[in-house]
Amino acid sequence: MDTHRSTPSRQTARAVCLFLALALSIGGLAPVAEAQSRLNRPAPRYFQLTPPDQAEGAKILREMRALGPDGDYFFEFELRVLPRRGEELRLPGRMWGGRNREGPLTRLSVIAPASPADGVTGVEQRVLVQGGARPAAWRWPAADGATTIAVDEATLFAPLAGTDLSAFDLQMPFLYWTDSVYEGKTRLNNRPVDTFLLYPPAAIATHRPDLAGMRVYLDPEYRALVRAEQIGADERVLKSFSLGGLVKIGERWLPRSFELRDETTRNKTRFVITAAALGLDFAGGVFDPGNLSGGLRPPTTLTRLNE
């Protein structure tokens, strides 16, 4: 991975600075991955009488990819596991974010739940994800309890720290899938959005044959991904991600919370930001996979967010 840091070419005061680097690009309609059956390929759901201008859609996506946070950032958060049945579980976590030439970078630390019956205390789990056209991810600790391992397509969807959150959700590789269709403009929660349908490449389709596509909804005003849906057979939504709102710190808009929902089990995992530090400048080692086993201290100055 190229860990050389570079200053984003475009900055925006309203950029939503989270692990969901809200940017993608497409290069026109690519051939369907051979590993994916056409019978499992959902058709575009156009919102106008005629198919929208694909060149316009490509421009929207390219512009969003060019946006980036003004410097590095740090979040403290809670993962609130909300099963359909059973008690709520809250897991504390920390996130370091930035960007390099390849795309967005995210380092996440979560304290997994303890198991009193086994005499096991809460264990920290860490994941590092590189977004962009050439995504990559790493996890620590591995099964041996020590080493850092690379996350491949076979383990990309594995749950983190006993939640429904996965490296796939953090990395959001679908934002760079090139087999894409612009479905046009519609409204979501009474706000205008641009909608795209993206089809998984062969490497993903091989391990997730049930995943027929991803539908994403982009807010043109805040340049934010407000909803993403994993689409299965017969257009059934398997899992959804939705933005829970924005909060303003100074002149910058930040996501306040996100919610992941398993549409089969109806279990939810809510990601709630409790504190933030913006405009930082991390050393390159923060996003070095070789340093994932080492702990990091949070910034000394944080803005606390009210409930």
Protein backbone atom coordinates (compact mmCIF):
# COMPACT_ATOMS: atom_id res chain seq x y z
CA MET A 1 0.00 0.00 0.00
CA ASP A 2 1.21 3.48 -0.83
CA THR A 3 1.22 5.27 2.51
CA HIS A 4 2.70 8.50 1.14
CA ARG A 5 0.36 11.25 2.26
CA SER A 6 -0.81 14.01 -0.06
CA THR A 7 -2.99 17.09 0.36
CA PRO A 8 -6.42 16.65 -1.28
CA SER A 9 -6.78 18.79 -4.36
CA ARG A 10 -10.21 20.08 -3.26
CA GLN A 11 -11.39 20.93 0.20
CA THR A 12 -14.90 21.75 1.32
CA ALA A 13 -16.12 23.15 4.59
CA ARG A 14 -19.14 20.92 4.38
CA ALA A 15 -17.30 17.70 3.60
CA VAL A 16 -18.57 14.86 5.76
CA CYS A 17 -15.33 13.63 7.31
CA LEU A 18 -15.93 10.03 8.28
CA PHE A 19 -14.64 6.56 7.51
CA LEU A 20 -17.19 6.65 4.76
CA ALA A 21 -15.15 8.75 2.39
CA LEU A 22 -18.05 9.91 0.32
CA ALA A 23 -16.55 9.72 -3.11
CA LEU A 24 -16.46 7.46 -6.13
CA SER A 25 -15.81 7.47 -9.81
CA ILE A 26 -17.04 5.41 -12.73
CA GLY A 27 -15.66 4.86 -16.17
CA GLY A 28 -18.86 3.94 -17.99
CA LEU A 29 -20.63 0.60 -18.01
CA ALA A 30 -18.19 -2.28 -17.72
CA PRO A 31 -18.88 -5.89 -18.72
CA VAL A 32 -20.64 -7.95 -16.10
CA ALA A 33 -18.31 -10.05 -13.96
CA GLU A 34 -18.36 -13.59 -15.28
CA ALA A 35 -18.75 -14.99 -11.81
CA GLN A 36 -22.06 -13.19 -11.37
CA SER A 37 -25.13 -14.62 -13.04
CA ARG A 38 -27.19 -12.24 -15.12
CA LEU A 39 -30.26 -13.76 -13.49
CA ASN A 40 -29.02 -12.28 -10.21
CA ARG A 41 -28.31 -8.85 -11.69
CA PRO A 42 -30.97 -6.30 -10.72
CA ALA A 43 -32.10 -3.94 -13.44
CA PRO A 44 -31.70 -0.19 -12.91
CA ARG A 45 -34.68 1.53 -11.31
CA TYR A 46 -34.88 4.79 -13.22
CA PHE A 47 -36.73 7.65 -11.58
CA GLN A 48 -37.50 9.54 -14.80
CA LEU A 49 -39.44 8.54 -17.88
CA THR A 50 -36.20 8.17 -19.82
CA PRO A 51 -32.83 6.90 -18.55
CA PRO A 52 -30.84 9.75 -16.99
CA ASP A 53 -27.67 11.13 -18.54
CA GLN A 54 -24.90 8.71 -17.58
CA ALA A 55 -22.27 11.37 -18.29
CA GLU A 56 -23.93 13.59 -15.70
CA GLY A 57 -23.86 10.73 -13.21
CA ALA A 58 -20.18 10.10 -13.88
CA LYS A 59 -19.45 13.79 -13.29
CA ILE A 60 -21.32 13.74 -9.96
CA LEU A 61 -19.30 10.78 -8.80
CA ARG A 62 -15.95 12.17 -9.94
CA GLU A 63 -16.61 15.44 -8.12
CA MET A 64 -17.51 13.61 -4.94
CA ARG A 65 -14.35 11.56 -5.13
CA ALA A 66 -12.29 14.73 -5.33
CA LEU A 67 -13.72 15.97 -2.02
CA GLY A 68 -11.88 15.15 1.15
CA PRO A 69 -11.48 16.17 4.78
CA ASP A 70 -9.46 19.26 5.62
CA GLY A 71 -6.63 17.41 7.29
CA ASP A 72 -6.80 14.29 9.42
CA TYR A 73 -9.49 13.71 12.03
CA PHE A 74 -10.24 11.69 15.15
CA PHE A 75 -13.54 10.44 16.56
CA GLU A 76 -14.57 8.80 19.78
CA PHE A 77 -17.77 6.80 19.35
CA GLU A 78 -20.11 4.16 20.70
CA LEU A 79 -21.27 1.11 18.82
CA ARG A 80 -24.76 0.38 20.10
CA VAL A 81 -25.80 -3.16 19.30
CA LEU A 82 -29.59 -3.24 19.16
CA PRO A 83 -30.86 -6.79 18.64
CA ARG A 84 -34.49 -7.30 17.72
CA ARG A 85 -34.76 -9.35 20.86
CA GLY A 86 -32.51 -9.00 23.85
CA GLU A 87 -30.67 -6.24 25.66
CA GLU A 88 -28.77 -3.36 24.09
CA LEU A 89 -24.97 -3.58 24.19
CA ARG A 90 -22.69 -0.53 24.02
CA LEU A 91 -19.08 -0.80 22.89
CA PRO A 92 -16.65 2.15 23.11
CA GLY A 93 -14.36 2.89 20.21
CA ARG A 94 -11.92 5.31 18.60
CA MET A 95 -11.28 6.21 14.99
CA TRP A 96 -8.40 7.90 13.20
CA GLY A 97 -9.08 9.06 9.65
CA GLY A 98 -7.16 10.61 6.79
CA ARG A 99 -6.31 10.25 3.13
CA ASN A 100 -3.40 9.30 0.89
CA ARG A 101 -2.91 9.03 -2.87
CA GLU A 102 -5.00 5.88 -3.04
CA GLY A 103 -8.00 7.26 -1.19
CA PRO A 104 -9.46 7.47 2.32
CA LEU A 105 -7.77 5.81 5.30
CA THR A 106 -9.47 4.66 8.48
CA ARG A 107 -8.06 3.08 11.61
CA LEU A 108 -10.68 1.80 14.06
CA SER A 109 -10.36 0.49 17.60
CA VAL A 110 -13.28 -1.20 19.40
CA ILE A 111 -13.41 -2.85 22.80
CA ALA A 112 -15.14 -6.17 22.26
CA PRO A 113 -17.63 -7.32 24.91
CA ALA A 114 -16.35 -9.25 27.89
CA SER A 115 -17.38 -12.81 28.69
CA PRO A 116 -17.66 -13.00 32.50
CA ALA A 117 -18.66 -16.66 32.40
CA ASP A 118 -15.31 -17.47 30.79
CA GLY A 119 -13.35 -15.03 32.88
CA VAL A 120 -12.51 -12.96 29.77
CA THR A 121 -12.32 -9.19 30.01
CA GLY A 122 -13.05 -6.80 27.14
CA VAL A 123 -10.54 -7.24 24.33
CA GLU A 124 -9.53 -4.47 21.96
CA GLN A 125 -9.95 -5.20 18.27
CA ARG A 126 -8.40 -2.99 15.60
CA VAL A 127 -8.95 -2.70 11.88
CA LEU A 128 -7.23 -0.55 9.26
CA VAL A 129 -8.87 0.04 5.90
CA GLN A 130 -7.59 1.63 2.73
CA GLY A 131 -10.36 2.86 0.47
CA GLY A 132 -10.17 3.75 -3.18
CA ALA A 133 -9.83 1.94 -6.47
CA ARG A 134 -7.36 -0.53 -4.91
CA PRO A 135 -8.86 -1.25 -1.49
CA ALA A 136 -7.12 -3.17 1.28
CA ALA A 137 -7.75 -3.95 4.94
CA TRP A 138 -5.98 -5.42 7.97
CA ARG A 139 -7.11 -6.71 11.36
CA TRP A 140 -5.47 -7.17 14.75
CA PRO A 141 -5.28 -9.43 16.63
CA ALA A 142 -5.47 -12.55 14.50
CA ALA A 143 -6.71 -15.92 15.76
CA ASP A 144 -3.36 -16.45 17.49
CA GLY A 145 -4.04 -13.35 19.56
CA ALA A 146 -0.94 -11.52 18.37
CA THR A 147 -0.29 -10.94 14.69
CA THR A 148 -1.84 -8.53 12.23
CA ILE A 149 -3.46 -10.18 9.21
CA ALA A 150 -4.63 -8.89 5.85
CA VAL A 151 -8.37 -9.04 5.25
CA ASP A 152 -9.23 -10.65 1.93
CA GLU A 153 -12.55 -10.97 0.09
CA ALA A 154 -13.33 -14.15 2.03
CA THR A 155 -13.22 -12.34 5.40
CA LEU A 156 -14.23 -8.84 4.30
CA PHE A 157 -17.78 -9.37 5.57
CA ALA A 158 -16.84 -10.97 8.90
CA PRO A 159 -18.42 -9.14 11.88
CA LEU A 160 -16.23 -6.96 14.09
CA ALA A 161 -16.34 -7.18 17.88
CA GLY A 162 -19.61 -9.10 17.95
CA THR A 163 -21.55 -6.48 15.96
CA ASP A 164 -22.98 -6.37 12.43
CA LEU A 165 -20.23 -3.92 11.44
CA SER A 166 -17.63 -5.37 9.07
CA ALA A 167 -14.49 -4.24 7.25
CA PHE A 168 -16.68 -4.04 4.13
CA ASP A 169 -18.89 -1.44 5.84
CA LEU A 170 -15.85 0.64 6.83
CA GLN A 171 -14.03 0.31 3.53
CA MET A 172 -17.06 0.78 1.29
CA PRO A 173 -15.32 -0.65 -1.79
CA PHE A 174 -18.59 -0.47 -3.72
CA LEU A 175 -18.06 3.28 -4.03
CA TYR A 176 -15.33 2.44 -6.54
CA TRP A 177 -16.95 -0.45 -8.41
CA THR A 178 -16.79 0.45 -12.08
CA ASP A 179 -19.86 -1.47 -13.28
CA SER A 180 -22.33 1.23 -12.36
CA VAL A 181 -25.57 2.86 -13.48
CA TYR A 182 -26.84 6.33 -12.62
CA GLU A 183 -30.53 5.87 -11.79
CA GLY A 184 -31.28 9.58 -11.56
CA LYS A 185 -32.61 12.06 -9.04
CA THR A 186 -35.28 11.30 -6.47
CA ARG A 187 -36.14 12.22 -2.89
CA LEU A 188 -35.26 10.42 0.33
CA ASN A 189 -36.57 11.59 3.70
CA ASN A 190 -37.89 14.67 1.91
CA ARG A 191 -34.46 15.63 0.56
CA PRO A 192 -33.18 15.45 -3.03
CA VAL A 193 -30.69 12.67 -3.71
CA ASP A 194 -28.75 11.22 -6.63
CA THR A 195 -29.13 7.44 -6.86
CA PHE A 196 -26.72 4.89 -8.29
CA LEU A 197 -26.77 1.11 -8.69
CA LEU A 198 -23.37 -0.60 -8.56
CA TYR A 199 -22.59 -4.23 -9.39
CA PRO A 200 -19.91 -6.26 -7.55
CA PRO A 201 -16.75 -7.36 -9.34
CA ALA A 202 -15.87 -11.04 -9.71
CA ALA A 203 -13.63 -11.05 -6.61
CA ILE A 204 -16.58 -10.04 -4.43
CA ALA A 205 -19.25 -12.03 -6.31
CA THR A 206 -17.26 -15.23 -5.82
CA HIS A 207 -17.50 -14.96 -2.03
CA ARG A 208 -20.90 -13.26 -1.86
CA PRO A 209 -23.01 -14.74 -4.67
CA ASP A 210 -26.12 -13.51 -2.84
CA LEU A 211 -25.00 -9.89 -3.20
CA ALA A 212 -26.40 -8.75 -6.54
CA GLY A 213 -25.61 -5.06 -6.18
CA MET A 214 -25.39 -1.95 -4.03
CA ARG A 215 -27.78 0.96 -4.30
CA VAL A 216 -26.48 4.26 -2.92
CA TYR A 217 -28.15 7.62 -2.29
CA LEU A 218 -26.01 10.77 -2.33
CA ASP A 219 -27.08 14.14 -0.92
CA PRO A 220 -25.94 16.81 -3.44
CA GLU A 221 -26.02 19.66 -0.90
CA TYR A 222 -23.92 18.11 1.85
CA ARG A 223 -21.98 15.85 -0.53
CA ALA A 224 -22.81 12.96 1.77
CA LEU A 225 -23.71 9.32 1.38
CA VAL A 226 -27.04 9.19 3.19
CA ARG A 227 -28.05 5.60 2.47
CA ALA A 228 -26.58 2.41 1.02
CA GLU A 229 -28.38 -0.89 0.48
CA GLN A 230 -27.05 -4.38 -0.17
CA ILE A 231 -29.36 -5.79 -2.84
CA GLY A 232 -30.05 -9.51 -3.17
CA ALA A 233 -32.19 -11.60 -5.46
CA ASP A 234 -35.54 -10.14 -6.53
CA GLU A 235 -34.43 -6.67 -5.38
CA ARG A 236 -34.60 -7.72 -1.74
CA VAL A 237 -32.59 -5.47 0.59
CA LEU A 238 -30.22 -7.62 2.65
CA LYS A 239 -28.57 -4.93 4.75
CA SER A 240 -28.87 -1.16 4.86
CA PHE A 241 -26.72 1.70 6.04
CA SER A 242 -28.25 5.10 6.77
CA LEU A 243 -27.01 8.45 7.99
CA GLY A 244 -28.65 9.50 11.24
CA GLY A 245 -28.03 13.22 10.96
CA LEU A 246 -25.34 15.88 10.83
CA VAL A 247 -23.76 18.13 13.44
CA LYS A 248 -21.80 21.32 12.83
CA ILE A 249 -18.44 21.96 14.51
CA GLY A 250 -17.17 25.41 13.61
CA GLU A 251 -17.80 25.68 9.88
CA ARG A 252 -17.74 21.95 9.21
CA TRP A 253 -20.58 19.48 9.01
CA LEU A 254 -19.95 16.04 10.48
CA PRO A 255 -22.08 12.91 10.63
CA ARG A 256 -23.69 12.52 14.05
CA SER A 257 -24.62 8.86 13.76
CA PHE A 258 -25.06 5.97 11.35
CA GLU A 259 -27.16 2.87 11.54
CA LEU A 260 -26.54 -0.56 10.05
CA ARG A 261 -29.62 -2.76 9.82
CA ASP A 262 -29.74 -6.44 8.95
CA GLU A 263 -33.02 -6.57 7.07
CA THR A 264 -33.34 -10.33 7.62
CA THR A 265 -32.84 -10.48 11.40
CA ARG A 266 -33.93 -6.85 12.01
CA ASN A 267 -30.89 -6.44 14.26
CA LYS A 268 -29.30 -2.99 14.21
CA THR A 269 -25.87 -1.57 15.00
CA ARG A 270 -25.78 2.18 15.60
CA PHE A 271 -22.53 4.14 15.29
CA VAL A 272 -22.76 7.31 17.43
CA ILE A 273 -19.96 9.89 17.47
CA THR A 274 -19.43 11.28 20.96
CA ALA A 275 -16.33 13.46 20.45
CA ALA A 276 -14.30 14.80 17.53
CA ALA A 277 -11.04 16.53 16.70
CA LEU A 278 -10.58 18.00 13.20
CA GLY A 279 -7.84 19.54 11.09
CA LEU A 280 -5.16 17.26 12.53
CA ASP A 281 -1.89 16.06 11.00
CA PHE A 282 -1.05 12.47 11.89
CA ALA A 283 2.33 10.91 11.36
CA GLY A 284 2.43 8.36 8.56
CA GLY A 285 2.83 5.50 11.02
CA VAL A 286 -0.78 5.85 12.20
CA PHE A 287 -1.93 4.20 8.97
CA ASP A 288 0.95 1.75 8.60
CA PRO A 289 -0.34 -1.87 8.77
CA GLY A 290 2.87 -2.85 10.53
CA ASN A 291 1.97 -0.53 13.41
CA LEU A 292 -1.56 -1.78 13.91
CA SER A 293 -0.51 -3.88 16.91
CA GLY A 294 0.71 -0.76 18.71
CA GLY A 295 -1.64 1.42 20.70
CA LEU A 296 -2.34 5.10 19.96
CA ARG A 297 -3.25 7.98 22.23
CA PRO A 298 -6.16 10.25 21.31
CA PRO A 299 -5.62 13.96 20.65
CA THR A 300 -5.47 16.12 23.75
CA THR A 301 -8.23 18.49 22.60
CA LEU A 302 -11.64 17.07 21.72
CA THR A 303 -15.03 18.62 21.07
CA ARG A 304 -17.66 16.67 23.00
CA LEU A 305 -21.00 16.16 21.24
CA ASN A 306 -24.20 16.25 23.22
CA GLU A 307 -26.70 13.43 22.96
